[in-house]
Protein backbone atom coordinates (compact mmCIF):
# COMPACT_ATOMS: atom_id res chain seq x y z
CA MET A 1 -1.18 -7.16 18.73
CA ARG A 2 -0.23 -10.71 17.88
CA GLU A 3 -3.79 -11.51 16.41
CA VAL A 4 -6.68 -9.46 15.38
CA CYS A 5 -10.11 -10.93 14.39
CA ILE A 6 -13.16 -9.17 12.75
CA ARG A 7 -16.31 -10.97 12.23
CA ASN A 8 -19.65 -9.98 10.41
CA PHE A 9 -18.43 -6.56 9.34
CA GLY A 10 -19.71 -5.84 5.89
CA PRO A 11 -18.16 -8.49 3.44
CA LEU A 12 -16.06 -9.86 6.29
CA ARG A 13 -17.44 -13.00 7.78
CA HIS A 14 -14.29 -14.12 9.56
CA ALA A 15 -10.91 -12.64 9.22
CA CYS A 16 -8.16 -13.38 11.78
CA ILE A 17 -4.74 -11.82 11.00
CA GLN A 18 -1.41 -12.50 12.82
CA PRO A 19 0.58 -9.48 11.68
CA GLU A 20 4.30 -9.69 11.04
CA GLU A 21 7.08 -7.16 10.02
CA MET A 22 5.35 -7.05 6.68
CA THR A 23 1.88 -8.33 6.20
CA ILE A 24 0.25 -8.49 2.65
CA LEU A 25 -3.43 -8.71 2.09
CA VAL A 26 -4.61 -9.80 -1.32
CA GLY A 27 -8.09 -10.59 -2.81
CA PRO A 28 -10.80 -9.30 -5.21
CA GLN A 29 -12.40 -5.90 -4.81
CA ALA A 30 -15.03 -5.40 -1.97
CA THR A 31 -13.67 -8.40 0.13
CA GLY A 32 -12.95 -6.33 3.21
CA LYS A 33 -9.21 -5.60 2.91
CA SER A 34 -9.62 -1.87 3.42
CA ILE A 35 -12.16 -2.33 6.20
CA PHE A 36 -9.87 -4.71 8.02
CA LEU A 37 -6.83 -2.33 7.73
CA GLN A 38 -8.84 0.62 9.11
CA ILE A 39 -10.40 -1.43 11.87
CA PHE A 40 -6.82 -2.63 12.71
CA ARG A 41 -5.80 1.09 13.04
CA LEU A 42 -8.91 1.93 15.04
CA LEU A 43 -7.88 -0.70 17.60
CA HIS A 44 -4.51 0.98 18.03
CA ASP A 45 -5.58 4.71 17.77
CA ALA A 46 -9.11 5.04 18.79
CA GLY A 47 -8.10 7.77 21.30
CA ALA A 48 -6.20 9.67 18.82
CA ILE A 49 -8.95 9.44 16.27
CA GLY A 50 -11.53 10.77 18.77
CA GLU A 51 -9.23 13.54 19.74
CA ALA A 52 -8.94 14.44 16.03
CA PHE A 53 -12.69 14.63 15.76
CA ARG A 54 -12.76 16.96 18.76
CA LYS A 55 -9.99 19.07 17.15
CA TYR A 56 -11.90 19.51 13.88
CA PHE A 57 -15.49 19.21 14.90
CA GLY A 58 -15.55 20.32 18.43
CA ILE A 59 -16.92 17.08 19.76
CA ALA A 60 -16.48 13.27 19.11
CA PRO A 61 -19.76 11.45 18.41
CA ALA A 62 -21.13 9.48 21.18
CA SER A 63 -22.93 6.67 19.15
CA VAL A 64 -20.99 3.84 17.57
CA ALA A 65 -22.79 4.14 14.36
CA ARG A 66 -22.07 7.89 13.87
CA PHE A 67 -18.51 7.39 14.97
CA MET A 68 -17.88 4.73 12.40
CA GLU A 69 -19.61 6.77 9.61
CA MET A 70 -17.25 9.65 10.37
CA TYR A 71 -14.32 7.25 10.52
CA LEU A 72 -15.00 4.66 7.65
CA GLY A 73 -17.43 6.82 5.54
CA LYS A 74 -21.05 7.02 4.94
CA GLY A 75 -23.24 3.78 5.29
CA THR A 76 -20.84 1.90 7.51
CA GLY A 77 -22.45 2.66 10.87
CA GLU A 78 -25.14 -0.12 10.67
CA ALA A 79 -22.39 -2.68 9.74
CA ALA A 80 -20.54 -1.89 12.97
CA ARG A 81 -23.50 -2.71 15.11
CA ARG A 82 -23.38 -6.35 13.97
CA ALA A 83 -19.63 -6.76 13.96
CA LYS A 84 -17.55 -8.61 16.52
CA LEU A 85 -13.88 -7.80 17.30
CA GLU A 86 -11.21 -9.82 19.06
CA VAL A 87 -7.69 -8.97 20.10
CA GLU A 88 -5.52 -11.95 21.04
CA GLY A 89 -8.65 -14.02 21.85
CA SER A 90 -10.34 -11.31 23.92
CA ALA A 91 -13.56 -9.56 22.77
CA VAL A 92 -13.42 -5.83 22.24
CA SER A 93 -16.57 -3.77 21.75
CA PHE A 94 -16.76 -0.66 19.56
CA ARG A 95 -18.30 1.15 22.52
CA SER A 96 -15.19 0.63 24.53
CA LEU A 97 -13.04 2.01 21.77
CA LEU A 98 -15.07 5.24 21.77
CA MET A 99 -14.12 5.56 25.48
CA HIS A 100 -10.32 5.45 24.87
CA LYS A 101 -8.37 8.35 26.22
CA ALA A 102 -6.39 10.47 23.74
CA LYS A 103 -2.85 9.03 23.20
CA PRO A 104 -0.30 9.66 20.42
CA ALA A 105 -1.17 7.83 17.18
CA ARG A 106 0.79 4.60 16.34
CA VAL A 107 -0.54 3.79 12.90
CA PHE A 108 -0.19 5.89 9.73
CA SER A 109 -2.41 5.17 6.80
CA ILE A 110 -1.68 5.73 3.05
CA PRO A 111 -5.08 5.02 1.54
CA ALA A 112 -6.07 3.69 -1.84
CA GLN A 113 -7.86 6.92 -2.60
CA ARG A 114 -4.70 9.00 -2.13
CA VAL A 115 -4.92 10.54 -5.42
CA LEU A 116 -7.94 12.62 -3.97
CA ALA A 117 -5.50 14.33 -1.69
CA LEU A 118 -4.53 16.43 -4.74
CA ARG A 119 -6.81 18.61 -6.55
CA GLU A 120 -5.19 19.65 -9.83
CA GLY A 121 -1.81 19.35 -8.02
CA ILE A 122 -2.89 21.38 -4.90
CA THR A 123 -2.93 19.69 -1.55
CA ARG A 124 -6.09 19.59 0.44
CA PRO A 125 -6.56 20.35 4.20
CA PHE A 126 -8.75 18.08 6.40
CA MET A 127 -11.89 20.48 6.14
CA ASP A 128 -11.74 20.46 2.31
CA PHE A 129 -13.54 17.20 2.29
CA GLN A 130 -17.09 16.21 3.05
CA MET A 131 -18.09 15.12 6.66
CA ASP A 132 -18.54 11.55 5.76
CA ASP A 133 -15.55 11.07 3.60
CA PRO A 134 -13.25 8.45 5.17
CA PHE A 135 -11.13 9.76 7.95
CA CYS A 136 -7.92 8.05 6.83
CA LEU A 137 -8.07 10.06 3.58
CA ARG A 138 -8.91 13.34 5.24
CA GLU A 139 -6.01 12.94 7.67
CA PHE A 140 -3.57 11.70 5.17
CA SER A 141 -4.45 14.74 2.89
CA ASP A 142 -3.95 17.04 5.77
CA ARG A 143 -0.50 15.67 6.58
CA LEU A 144 0.51 16.24 3.05
CA HIS A 145 -0.96 19.82 3.01
CA ALA A 146 1.15 20.70 6.02
CA LEU A 147 4.28 19.11 4.66
CA VAL A 148 4.06 20.80 1.17
CA GLN A 149 3.19 24.17 2.74
CA GLN A 150 6.11 24.09 5.17
CA GLU A 151 9.04 21.88 4.22
CA PHE A 152 8.49 22.00 0.43
CA ALA A 153 7.44 25.54 0.04
CA SER A 154 10.83 26.33 -1.54
CA GLY A 155 9.93 24.55 -4.70
CA ASP A 156 11.77 21.33 -5.04
CA VAL A 157 9.92 18.10 -4.14
CA PHE A 158 11.72 15.33 -5.98
CA PRO A 159 14.70 14.78 -6.32
CA ARG A 160 16.11 16.20 -3.10
CA ALA A 161 19.41 15.04 -1.78
CA ASN A 162 18.48 15.00 1.71
CA ARG A 163 15.38 12.77 1.21
CA LEU A 164 15.53 9.03 0.70
CA LYS A 165 18.60 6.87 0.05
CA GLU A 166 20.46 7.57 -3.24
CA CYS A 167 19.61 4.13 -4.73
CA LEU A 168 15.75 4.83 -4.08
CA ARG A 169 16.04 8.24 -5.64
CA GLU A 170 17.76 6.88 -8.70
CA ALA A 171 15.11 4.10 -9.02
CA ILE A 172 12.34 6.54 -8.85
CA ALA A 173 13.94 9.01 -11.20
CA ALA A 174 14.49 6.16 -13.76
CA HIS A 175 11.11 4.58 -13.66
CA ILE A 176 8.56 7.21 -12.41
CA TYR A 177 9.97 10.56 -13.10
CA PRO A 178 12.32 10.13 -16.02
CA GLY A 179 13.62 13.38 -17.30
CA VAL A 180 11.48 15.47 -15.02
CA ARG A 181 11.58 17.07 -11.60
CA LEU A 182 8.61 17.19 -9.18
CA ARG A 183 8.21 20.84 -7.90
CA ASN A 184 5.91 23.00 -5.86
CA LEU A 185 5.39 26.14 -7.80
CA GLU A 186 3.25 29.30 -8.03
CA GLU A 187 1.85 30.38 -11.38
CA GLY A 188 -0.65 33.20 -10.89
CA GLY A 189 -2.60 31.35 -8.17
CA PRO A 190 -2.05 28.95 -5.18
CA ARG A 191 1.20 26.84 -5.13
CA ARG A 192 0.73 23.54 -6.82
CA LEU A 193 2.73 20.49 -7.72
CA MET A 194 4.09 20.41 -11.20
CA LEU A 195 6.55 18.51 -13.26
CA GLU A 196 9.40 20.36 -14.80
CA THR A 197 11.38 19.15 -17.78
CA LYS A 198 15.21 19.60 -18.21
CA GLU A 199 14.33 22.39 -20.71
CA GLY A 200 12.17 24.16 -18.10
CA ALA A 201 8.70 23.31 -19.46
CA ARG A 202 6.11 22.84 -16.74
CA LEU A 203 3.57 20.16 -16.89
CA GLY A 204 0.31 20.62 -14.95
CA TYR A 205 -1.31 17.86 -12.88
CA LEU A 206 -3.71 16.57 -15.57
CA ALA A 207 -0.72 16.26 -18.03
CA TRP A 208 0.99 13.89 -15.84
CA SER A 209 0.69 9.97 -16.44
CA ALA A 210 -1.71 8.16 -14.29
CA GLY A 211 1.17 6.40 -12.50
CA GLN A 212 2.74 9.81 -11.66
CA ARG A 213 -0.42 11.21 -10.23
CA GLU A 214 -0.95 7.99 -7.98
CA PHE A 215 2.72 8.09 -6.96
CA ALA A 216 3.05 11.81 -5.90
CA PRO A 217 0.90 11.52 -2.83
CA LEU A 218 2.47 8.15 -1.91
CA LEU A 219 5.94 9.77 -2.07
CA LEU A 220 4.87 12.62 -0.02
CA GLY A 221 3.52 10.29 2.67
CA LEU A 222 6.76 8.43 2.51
CA TYR A 223 8.57 11.79 3.01
CA TRP A 224 6.44 12.42 6.18
CA LEU A 225 7.36 8.85 7.56
CA LEU A 226 11.07 9.09 6.60
CA PRO A 227 12.19 12.51 7.92
CA ALA A 228 15.46 14.24 6.93
CA GLY A 229 18.27 14.63 9.36
CA ALA A 230 19.16 12.63 12.48
CA ARG A 231 15.72 11.13 12.90
CA SER A 232 15.28 7.80 11.26
CA ARG A 233 11.55 7.58 11.67
CA ARG A 234 8.45 9.53 12.80
CA GLU A 235 7.94 8.73 16.49
CA PRO A 236 5.78 7.24 18.10
CA TYR A 237 4.40 5.64 14.95
CA GLU A 238 5.07 1.90 14.73
CA TRP A 239 2.78 0.74 11.89
CA VAL A 240 2.31 1.90 8.43
CA ILE A 241 -0.60 0.87 6.22
CA VAL A 242 -0.16 1.27 2.44
CA GLU A 243 -3.22 0.36 0.22
CA GLU A 244 -2.34 -0.62 -3.46
CA PRO A 245 1.12 0.88 -3.48
CA GLU A 246 1.46 -0.35 -7.16
CA ALA A 247 -1.50 1.71 -8.52
CA GLY A 248 -1.07 2.98 -12.10
CA LEU A 249 2.57 1.96 -12.18
CA HIS A 250 4.75 0.02 -14.69
CA PRO A 251 6.40 -3.20 -13.41
CA ASP A 252 9.81 -1.49 -13.24
CA ALA A 253 8.33 1.23 -11.13
CA ILE A 254 6.63 -1.34 -8.87
CA MET A 255 10.02 -2.72 -8.03
CA ALA A 256 11.20 0.69 -7.12
CA VAL A 257 8.14 1.14 -4.80
CA MET A 258 8.88 -2.35 -3.18
CA GLY A 259 12.34 -1.00 -2.42
CA LEU A 260 10.56 1.89 -0.62
CA MET A 261 8.41 -0.49 1.38
CA LEU A 262 11.48 -2.34 2.49
CA GLU A 263 12.99 0.89 3.48
CA LEU A 264 10.16 1.39 5.97
CA LEU A 265 11.25 -1.87 7.56
CA VAL A 266 14.91 -0.62 7.68
CA ARG A 267 13.63 2.47 9.56
CA GLY A 268 11.82 0.29 12.17
CA TYR A 269 8.27 0.31 11.03
CA ARG A 270 5.94 -2.65 10.46
CA VAL A 271 4.15 -2.54 7.26
CA LEU A 272 0.67 -3.73 6.09
CA LEU A 273 -0.06 -3.74 2.45
CA SER A 274 -3.12 -4.50 0.32
CA THR A 275 -2.51 -5.26 -3.29
CA HIS A 276 -3.86 -6.40 -6.52
CA SER A 277 -0.31 -7.04 -8.03
CA PRO A 278 1.05 -10.45 -8.59
CA GLN A 279 4.42 -8.84 -8.77
CA VAL A 280 4.22 -7.75 -5.13
CA LEU A 281 3.74 -11.35 -4.28
CA GLU A 282 6.53 -12.45 -6.39
CA VAL A 283 8.82 -10.30 -4.47
CA ALA A 284 7.54 -11.80 -1.21
CA TRP A 285 7.74 -15.32 -2.62
CA ALA A 286 11.29 -14.79 -3.86
CA LEU A 287 12.54 -13.30 -0.56
CA SER A 288 11.28 -16.36 1.30
CA VAL A 289 13.05 -18.63 -1.16
CA LEU A 290 16.18 -16.65 -1.20
CA ARG A 291 16.35 -16.54 2.72
CA ARG A 292 15.90 -20.25 2.96
CA HIS A 293 18.73 -20.93 0.54
CA GLY A 294 21.19 -18.59 2.05
CA ALA A 295 21.10 -15.75 -0.50
CA ARG A 296 23.51 -12.78 -0.26
CA ALA A 297 22.53 -9.01 -0.30
CA LYS A 298 23.74 -8.85 -3.89
CA ASP A 299 21.06 -11.33 -4.97
CA VAL A 300 18.36 -9.19 -3.52
CA GLN A 301 19.91 -6.07 -5.11
CA ASP A 302 19.85 -7.79 -8.49
CA MET A 303 16.19 -8.99 -7.94
CA LEU A 304 15.11 -5.42 -7.08
CA GLY A 305 17.30 -3.52 -9.45
CA LEU A 306 18.56 -1.44 -6.56
CA TYR A 307 22.13 -0.45 -6.63
CA GLY A 308 24.28 2.38 -5.22
CA THR A 309 24.49 3.96 -1.75
CA GLY A 310 21.91 2.42 0.64
CA SER A 311 20.94 -0.45 -1.50
CA ARG A 312 22.90 -3.09 0.55
CA VAL A 313 21.19 -2.10 3.88
CA ILE A 314 17.84 -2.53 2.25
CA ALA A 315 18.77 -5.91 0.66
CA GLU A 316 20.13 -7.23 4.08
CA LYS A 317 16.85 -6.14 5.85
CA ALA A 318 14.79 -7.83 3.18
CA LEU A 319 16.54 -11.15 3.85
CA GLN A 320 15.96 -10.82 7.49
CA CYS A 321 12.24 -9.75 7.54
CA ASN A 322 9.30 -12.10 8.23
CA ILE A 323 6.44 -11.76 5.78
CA ARG A 324 2.83 -13.11 6.05
CA VAL A 325 0.28 -13.10 3.24
CA TYR A 326 -3.51 -13.33 3.58
CA PHE A 327 -6.25 -14.05 0.89
CA PHE A 328 -9.44 -12.34 1.38
CA THR A 329 -12.03 -14.55 -0.46
CA ARG A 330 -15.52 -13.72 -1.82
CA GLU A 331 -16.86 -15.84 0.93
CA GLY A 332 -15.61 -13.44 3.58
CA GLU A 333 -12.66 -15.49 4.90
CA ALA A 334 -9.10 -14.53 5.37
CA VAL A 335 -6.91 -17.41 4.37
CA ASP A 336 -3.26 -17.62 5.23
CA ILE A 337 -1.31 -18.20 2.18
CA SER A 338 2.06 -17.20 3.45
CA GLY A 339 3.68 -20.35 1.91
CA LEU A 340 3.15 -18.92 -1.58
CA ASP A 341 3.98 -22.44 -2.87
CA PRO A 342 3.24 -22.81 -6.58
CA GLY A 343 3.11 -26.57 -5.99
CA ASP A 344 0.22 -26.37 -3.43
CA PRO A 345 -3.04 -26.38 -5.39
CA LYS A 346 -4.86 -24.37 -2.57
CA ILE A 347 -2.71 -21.43 -3.06
CA ALA A 348 -0.94 -21.85 -6.38
CA ASP A 349 -2.85 -18.96 -7.87
CA TRP A 350 -1.75 -16.60 -4.98
CA GLY A 351 -5.26 -15.51 -3.91
CA GLY A 352 -6.50 -15.14 -7.57
CA LEU A 353 -3.62 -12.76 -8.65
CA ALA A 354 -2.02 -15.45 -10.65
CA ALA A 355 -5.21 -17.23 -11.73
CA HIS A 356 -5.63 -15.38 -15.09
CA SER A 357 -2.04 -16.04 -15.96
CA LEU A 358 -2.30 -19.72 -15.14
CA ARG A 359 -5.46 -20.01 -17.25
CA ILE A 360 -4.01 -18.20 -20.15
CA GLN A 361 -1.00 -20.54 -20.07
CA ASP A 362 -3.16 -23.61 -19.90
CA VAL A 363 -5.32 -22.44 -22.78
CA VAL A 364 -2.42 -21.53 -24.97
CA ALA A 365 -0.63 -24.86 -24.20
CA ARG A 366 -3.79 -26.68 -25.09
CA VAL A 367 -4.14 -24.89 -28.47
CA VAL A 368 -0.47 -25.22 -29.50
CA SER A 369 -0.60 -28.98 -28.51
CA ARG A 370 -3.72 -29.43 -30.53
CA ALA A 371 -2.33 -27.58 -33.49
CA THR A 372 0.91 -29.50 -33.24
CA CYS A 373 -0.92 -32.81 -33.20
CA ALA A 374 -2.97 -31.77 -36.09
CA GLU A 375 0.25 -30.88 -38.10
CA ILE A 376 1.85 -34.14 -37.22
CA ALA A 377 -1.30 -36.03 -38.36
CA ALA A 378 -1.39 -34.13 -41.64
CA ALA A 379 2.25 -34.79 -42.20
CA SER A 380 1.70 -38.52 -41.55
CA THR A 381 -1.28 -38.63 -43.95
CA THR A 382 1.05 -36.90 -46.69
CA GLU A 383 3.76 -39.44 -46.18
CA ALA A 384 1.34 -42.41 -46.43
CA ASP A 385 0.04 -41.07 -49.75
C-alpha cells in the first residue's frame, strides 16, 4: 500500500501516510498514532483477524461496531461509524473489511501495552484477557506464551548463542541486562521469567527495573520475528509495527533497540514505529545526513555503538534504507516532517519532541546573557568610581 488515509476516527481528522521501509510516527499522547497503526494492520489482515475471532470465540461479529470494539477495544465502535478510509485514493468501507476471506497475516504488532503480556513474569494466553481488551495485545501475548512454553521451556532466554547477531546480544547485555541472564524457571509453581545473577541469585519480575520489564516482551516478540536456523524471517509477514520501543530505557539501551529495529530491515521486513523519544528521531536524522554525505558503514557503527559480528551488515542496511517521519498534531492532522531539518521552523522541534529542549536552551541562554550583561555593567560602574 503506497498510501493509507484515515479521516474522522477518534482524534484523527485527516491522516495520510505513505509508508517507507521504516516509517516513524511522533506526536503527543492521544493524537491517534496507535489507532492509525492498528487500522493500517486491519487493512492488510482483516481476513486473518476475523479468522482469529472465529477460532477463539466461535464466530466473528457481524456488525462493524462490535467488530471494532473487539479489535481496538471497548468504546471504539461508534467512532468507526463516522470514519472514512482510503487506500491509494480509493474508498474502503469497514463493512467490506469484515467480508474479507481468511488469508495468512502479513502484519505483526508489538503494542505499547506489551508489559501486560506478562503477569509477574508469566506469559498470558489469548483467553486470559477480557473480551474487549485490544486484539493486538491479546494476540501478541498469545504468541509470546506459545514461544516461551515451547522453544524456551529449557530455561535460557537471554543470552542465547543462536538468537540475534553477536553485536546485538552484546549491546543488550551491556545496556539492558548487565550482569544477569533472563531465564524461564520453575520455583514451586508455573514457569516464569526471572533474572539470574552470576552468583546464581534469582530476581522475580517485580524486582526488575522498569526498562527490563518493558524490554522482555519486546525481546520475545523480536525472537518470534527473527527465528533461529536457516530462516531469516517469519513468512509471510511483511510489516512489523512497534509502538514506543524506547519505553523505560536509558539512552544507551535505546541505541541498542534501534540496532534491533534496523535488524528487522536487514531481515526483509518493513517497519512502522511510534515513539515519544527524540533520540529515535536523532538516529533517523543522522542516517539521512550520513547517507547524503557518503558515510561509510564504520560511521554508522560508531554512531550506534554496535561492533563485532553482524554489525557491519546492519550499518550498511541503515545507509540504504528510506525513512519517513510523520507528526500527529493535536488538531488531528498527520504532517510529513521527514526532512527533520533543524533549520526549518515548521519542523525544527521534530513534532514537539525537541520543543522542551529548545525552550530550555533559550531560557538558559537568556538568563546567562542577562547575568553576563549585569556583571559587565557592574564592573563598568566600579571602574568609573
